[in-house]
């Protein structure tokens, strides 16, 4: 069942169910009452990442409070996405974009990876989670992605589960077309690794190619920024080996 994009969606932490009453936070009150000018009885959609999506009505017990009353379930809770997105941190503005687009494209887990040429840093996991949540609210996503603490590439590979194949974007690939390579992947559990703005070092490229659970793919004949490469890679992986064909 597809999302209803005509109704405002809000993430809440409380459990959702028939006639459940949830008080809006101060930020949600300001947004609903002052920015959107919503009145008594207006319908919105609520989700918490566990109980599916619920339609709720606004009530105003006082002029400074909004209580949301769940009326009916709009969509059941789907299974979480299995795709793991591994990425080298970028500078703040581009990393915000990167995380939002990864969530929109179906990443179920977000794992920052520290590489030799990395130019950004993870200042706060809360910021990553906030960007993931914003993307979920705007795009009808119900299963919220997990956000993990940053890990060094070497440490990641040493403890990686062998049954999950890592697809990494190799700018030095001898070909331009990733389609044939992706069509040959048999594993159902996948991860996508996108490097930093400076690319992978030769040492990292050798390390990755030596792992039996890693597959390198090209991304066409053009040089792409890291955030653009991530969106392009997510699209081609989802279309050929991911959930777009399901």
Protein backbone atom coordinates (compact mmCIF):
# COMPACT_ATOMS: atom_id res chain seq x y z
CA UNK A 1 0.00 0.00 0.00
CA UNK A 2 1.46 3.34 -1.04
CA UNK A 3 1.75 6.35 1.21
CA UNK A 4 -0.83 9.14 1.25
CA UNK A 5 1.22 12.19 0.26
CA UNK A 6 -1.66 14.64 0.67
CA UNK A 7 -1.73 14.37 4.46
CA UNK A 8 0.85 15.69 6.90
CA UNK A 9 2.97 12.95 8.47
CA UNK A 10 4.55 13.09 11.92
CA UNK A 11 6.92 10.75 13.71
CA UNK A 12 6.09 10.03 17.36
CA UNK A 13 7.85 7.83 19.90
CA UNK A 14 4.69 6.62 21.67
CA UNK A 15 2.89 3.39 20.85
CA UNK A 16 0.06 3.70 18.32
CA UNK A 17 -3.32 1.99 18.36
CA UNK A 18 -7.09 2.56 18.23
CA UNK A 19 -8.12 5.69 20.18
CA UNK A 20 -4.59 6.23 21.47
CA UNK A 21 -4.12 9.83 22.62
CA UNK A 22 -0.71 11.40 22.01
CA UNK A 23 0.25 14.90 23.06
CA UNK A 24 2.16 16.85 20.42
CA UNK A 25 5.59 18.13 21.38
CA UNK A 26 6.18 21.87 21.55
CA UNK A 27 7.87 21.75 18.14
CA UNK A 28 4.98 19.77 16.67
CA UNK A 29 2.45 22.15 18.23
CA UNK A 30 4.18 25.16 16.68
CA UNK A 31 4.37 23.46 13.28
CA UNK A 32 0.77 22.24 13.23
CA UNK A 33 -0.95 25.23 14.85
CA UNK A 34 1.20 28.18 13.85
CA UNK A 35 2.92 27.16 10.60
CA UNK A 36 0.27 24.96 8.98
CA UNK A 37 -2.67 26.67 10.76
CA UNK A 38 -4.44 23.38 11.38
CA UNK A 39 -7.65 23.43 13.37
CA UNK A 40 -9.74 21.10 15.52
CA UNK A 41 -10.51 17.83 13.75
CA UNK A 42 -7.82 18.10 11.07
CA UNK A 43 -6.47 14.72 10.05
CA UNK A 44 -2.76 13.83 10.09
CA UNK A 45 -0.76 10.61 9.80
CA UNK A 46 1.41 9.27 12.62
CA UNK A 47 4.14 6.63 12.62
CA UNK A 48 6.70 5.37 15.11
CA UNK A 49 8.65 2.77 13.15
CA UNK A 50 6.88 -0.10 14.96
CA UNK A 51 3.09 0.04 14.69
CA UNK A 52 2.48 1.05 11.10
CA UNK A 53 0.89 4.32 10.05
CA UNK A 54 -2.21 5.69 11.81
CA UNK A 55 -4.64 8.42 10.90
CA UNK A 56 -5.23 10.80 13.79
CA UNK A 57 -7.41 13.83 14.52
CA UNK A 58 -6.20 17.03 16.14
CA UNK A 59 -7.86 18.13 19.35
CA UNK A 60 -7.09 21.28 21.35
CA UNK A 61 -7.64 20.69 25.11
CA UNK A 62 -6.23 24.19 25.65
CA UNK A 63 -4.98 26.94 23.37
CA UNK A 64 -1.38 25.82 23.97
CA UNK A 65 -1.82 22.06 23.62
CA UNK A 66 -2.61 19.63 20.84
CA UNK A 67 -3.60 16.03 21.51
CA UNK A 68 -3.65 13.63 18.55
CA UNK A 69 -6.30 10.89 18.70
CA UNK A 70 -5.63 7.78 16.58
CA UNK A 71 -8.74 6.76 14.64
CA UNK A 72 -7.68 4.03 12.19
CA UNK A 73 -4.61 2.37 10.78
CA UNK A 74 -3.72 3.68 7.33
CA UNK A 75 -0.90 1.22 6.57
CA UNK A 76 0.51 -1.82 8.39
CA UNK A 77 4.13 -1.88 9.49
CA UNK A 78 6.36 -3.23 6.68
CA UNK A 79 9.46 -5.35 7.15
CA UNK A 80 12.58 -3.19 7.47
CA UNK A 81 14.81 -2.76 4.44
CA UNK A 82 17.75 -5.16 4.41
CA UNK A 83 20.11 -2.89 2.46
CA UNK A 84 23.09 -1.61 4.49
CA UNK A 85 24.51 1.73 3.34
CA UNK A 86 28.20 2.22 4.14
CA UNK A 87 29.56 5.71 3.52
CA UNK A 88 32.60 7.83 4.24
CA UNK A 89 31.56 10.99 6.12
CA UNK A 90 31.34 14.14 4.00
CA UNK A 91 31.26 17.81 4.90
CA UNK A 92 28.14 18.71 6.85
CA UNK A 93 25.82 20.03 4.13
CA UNK A 94 26.59 17.25 1.71
CA UNK A 95 26.36 14.59 4.41
CA UNK A 96 22.88 15.79 5.39
CA UNK A 97 21.85 15.38 1.76
CA UNK A 98 23.58 12.00 1.52
CA UNK A 99 21.75 10.57 4.52
CA UNK A 100 18.37 11.87 3.42
CA UNK A 101 18.74 10.45 -0.08
CA UNK A 102 19.98 7.11 1.22
CA UNK A 103 16.84 6.77 3.34
CA UNK A 104 14.62 7.80 0.42
CA UNK A 105 16.32 5.17 -1.75
CA UNK A 106 15.61 2.38 0.71
CA UNK A 107 18.64 2.03 2.98
CA UNK A 108 17.70 0.10 6.11
CA UNK A 109 20.93 0.73 8.00
CA UNK A 110 23.37 3.66 7.92
CA UNK A 111 27.01 2.93 8.77
CA UNK A 112 29.64 5.69 8.57
CA UNK A 113 33.06 4.32 7.57
CA UNK A 114 36.36 6.09 8.21
CA UNK A 115 38.73 5.91 5.22
CA UNK A 116 42.18 7.34 4.56
CA UNK A 117 41.01 10.27 2.42
CA UNK A 118 37.89 11.10 4.43
CA UNK A 119 37.26 14.86 4.64
CA UNK A 120 34.20 14.98 6.88
CA UNK A 121 33.54 13.73 10.39
CA UNK A 122 30.60 12.49 12.43
CA UNK A 123 30.00 15.20 15.00
CA UNK A 124 26.75 13.73 16.30
CA UNK A 125 24.77 10.59 15.55
CA UNK A 126 21.69 12.57 16.59
CA UNK A 127 22.12 14.77 13.50
CA UNK A 128 22.28 11.71 11.25
CA UNK A 129 19.19 10.28 12.92
CA UNK A 130 17.34 13.60 12.58
CA UNK A 131 18.08 13.71 8.84
CA UNK A 132 16.97 10.10 8.45
CA UNK A 133 13.76 10.87 10.33
CA UNK A 134 13.04 13.96 8.22
CA UNK A 135 13.42 11.93 5.04
CA UNK A 136 11.11 9.23 6.42
CA UNK A 137 8.44 11.80 7.32
CA UNK A 138 8.54 13.42 3.90
CA UNK A 139 8.66 10.24 1.81
CA UNK A 140 6.18 7.93 3.49
CA UNK A 141 8.78 5.57 4.94
CA UNK A 142 7.57 3.61 7.98
CA UNK A 143 10.56 1.42 8.84
CA UNK A 144 13.17 3.80 10.27
CA UNK A 145 16.79 2.99 9.38
CA UNK A 146 19.29 2.13 12.09
CA UNK A 147 22.15 4.61 12.52
CA UNK A 148 25.48 3.21 13.73
CA UNK A 149 28.63 4.76 15.14
CA UNK A 150 31.52 5.32 12.73
CA UNK A 151 34.05 2.51 12.27
CA UNK A 152 37.38 2.28 10.44
CA UNK A 153 37.26 0.49 7.09
CA UNK A 154 39.84 -2.15 8.11
CA UNK A 155 37.94 -2.95 11.33
CA UNK A 156 34.66 -3.15 9.41
CA UNK A 157 36.04 -5.68 6.94
CA UNK A 158 37.63 -7.83 9.65
CA UNK A 159 34.31 -8.38 11.41
CA UNK A 160 32.00 -8.35 8.39
CA UNK A 161 29.43 -11.20 8.06
CA UNK A 162 30.49 -13.29 5.05
CA UNK A 163 26.92 -13.88 3.86
CA UNK A 164 26.32 -10.17 3.16
CA UNK A 165 28.01 -8.97 -0.03
CA UNK A 166 29.53 -5.49 -0.08
CA UNK A 167 29.27 -3.64 -3.38
CA UNK A 168 31.78 -0.82 -3.55
CA UNK A 169 32.01 1.96 -6.08
CA UNK A 170 35.46 1.81 -7.68
CA UNK A 171 36.32 4.89 -9.71
CA UNK A 172 39.33 3.07 -11.20
CA UNK A 173 37.29 0.23 -12.65
CA UNK A 174 38.32 -0.88 -16.14
CA UNK A 175 34.73 -0.67 -17.44
CA UNK A 176 31.90 1.87 -17.23
CA UNK A 177 28.86 -0.41 -17.04
CA UNK A 178 27.84 -1.92 -13.66
CA UNK A 179 24.83 -3.86 -15.00
CA UNK A 180 26.49 -7.17 -15.89
CA UNK A 181 28.38 -7.26 -12.61
CA UNK A 182 25.26 -6.62 -10.52
CA UNK A 183 23.23 -9.17 -12.47
CA UNK A 184 25.77 -11.81 -11.50
CA UNK A 185 25.39 -11.28 -7.75
CA UNK A 186 23.61 -14.21 -6.10
CA UNK A 187 23.49 -13.09 -2.46
CA UNK A 188 20.20 -11.73 -1.12
CA UNK A 189 21.81 -9.67 1.65
CA UNK A 190 23.65 -6.64 0.30
CA UNK A 191 25.59 -3.59 1.43
CA UNK A 192 26.70 -0.62 -0.65
CA UNK A 193 29.95 1.19 0.13
CA UNK A 194 30.57 4.71 -1.20
CA UNK A 195 33.94 6.35 -0.59
CA UNK A 196 34.96 9.89 0.37
CA UNK A 197 35.31 12.94 -1.83
CA UNK A 198 38.98 12.08 -2.33
CA UNK A 199 38.21 8.50 -3.33
CA UNK A 200 39.63 5.28 -1.91
CA UNK A 201 43.39 5.00 -1.51
CA UNK A 202 45.23 2.33 -3.48
CA UNK A 203 45.85 0.45 -0.23
CA UNK A 204 42.11 0.45 0.53
CA UNK A 205 41.27 -0.63 -3.00
CA UNK A 206 43.65 -3.60 -2.72
CA UNK A 207 42.20 -4.47 0.70
CA UNK A 208 38.63 -4.38 -0.60
CA UNK A 209 39.36 -6.40 -3.73
CA UNK A 210 41.08 -9.09 -1.63
CA UNK A 211 37.88 -9.77 0.34
CA UNK A 212 35.81 -12.63 -1.13
CA UNK A 213 32.59 -10.95 -0.04
CA UNK A 214 33.31 -7.66 -1.87
CA UNK A 215 32.34 -6.77 -5.45
CA UNK A 216 33.58 -3.63 -7.22
CA UNK A 217 31.35 -1.78 -9.67
CA UNK A 218 31.91 1.25 -11.93
CA UNK A 219 29.50 4.18 -12.13
CA UNK A 220 29.79 5.25 -15.73
CA UNK A 221 32.33 7.35 -17.63
CA UNK A 222 31.94 10.59 -15.66
CA UNK A 223 33.53 11.76 -12.42
CA UNK A 224 30.83 12.14 -9.77
CA UNK A 225 30.84 13.94 -6.45
CA UNK A 226 30.57 11.54 -3.52
CA UNK A 227 26.96 12.50 -2.72
CA UNK A 228 25.94 12.20 -6.39
CA UNK A 229 27.75 8.86 -6.67
CA UNK A 230 25.81 7.57 -3.68
CA UNK A 231 22.43 8.35 -5.24
CA UNK A 232 23.49 6.89 -8.60
CA UNK A 233 24.84 3.74 -6.96
CA UNK A 234 21.76 3.25 -4.78
CA UNK A 235 19.52 3.60 -7.83
CA UNK A 236 21.38 1.08 -9.96
CA UNK A 237 21.78 -1.43 -7.10
CA UNK A 238 18.10 -1.23 -6.14
CA UNK A 239 17.00 -1.53 -9.77
CA UNK A 240 19.15 -4.54 -10.63
CA UNK A 241 19.89 -6.39 -7.40
CA UNK A 242 17.64 -4.72 -4.82
CA UNK A 243 13.94 -4.36 -4.03
CA UNK A 244 12.77 -2.37 -7.07
CA UNK A 245 12.16 -5.57 -8.99
CA UNK A 246 10.24 -7.30 -6.20
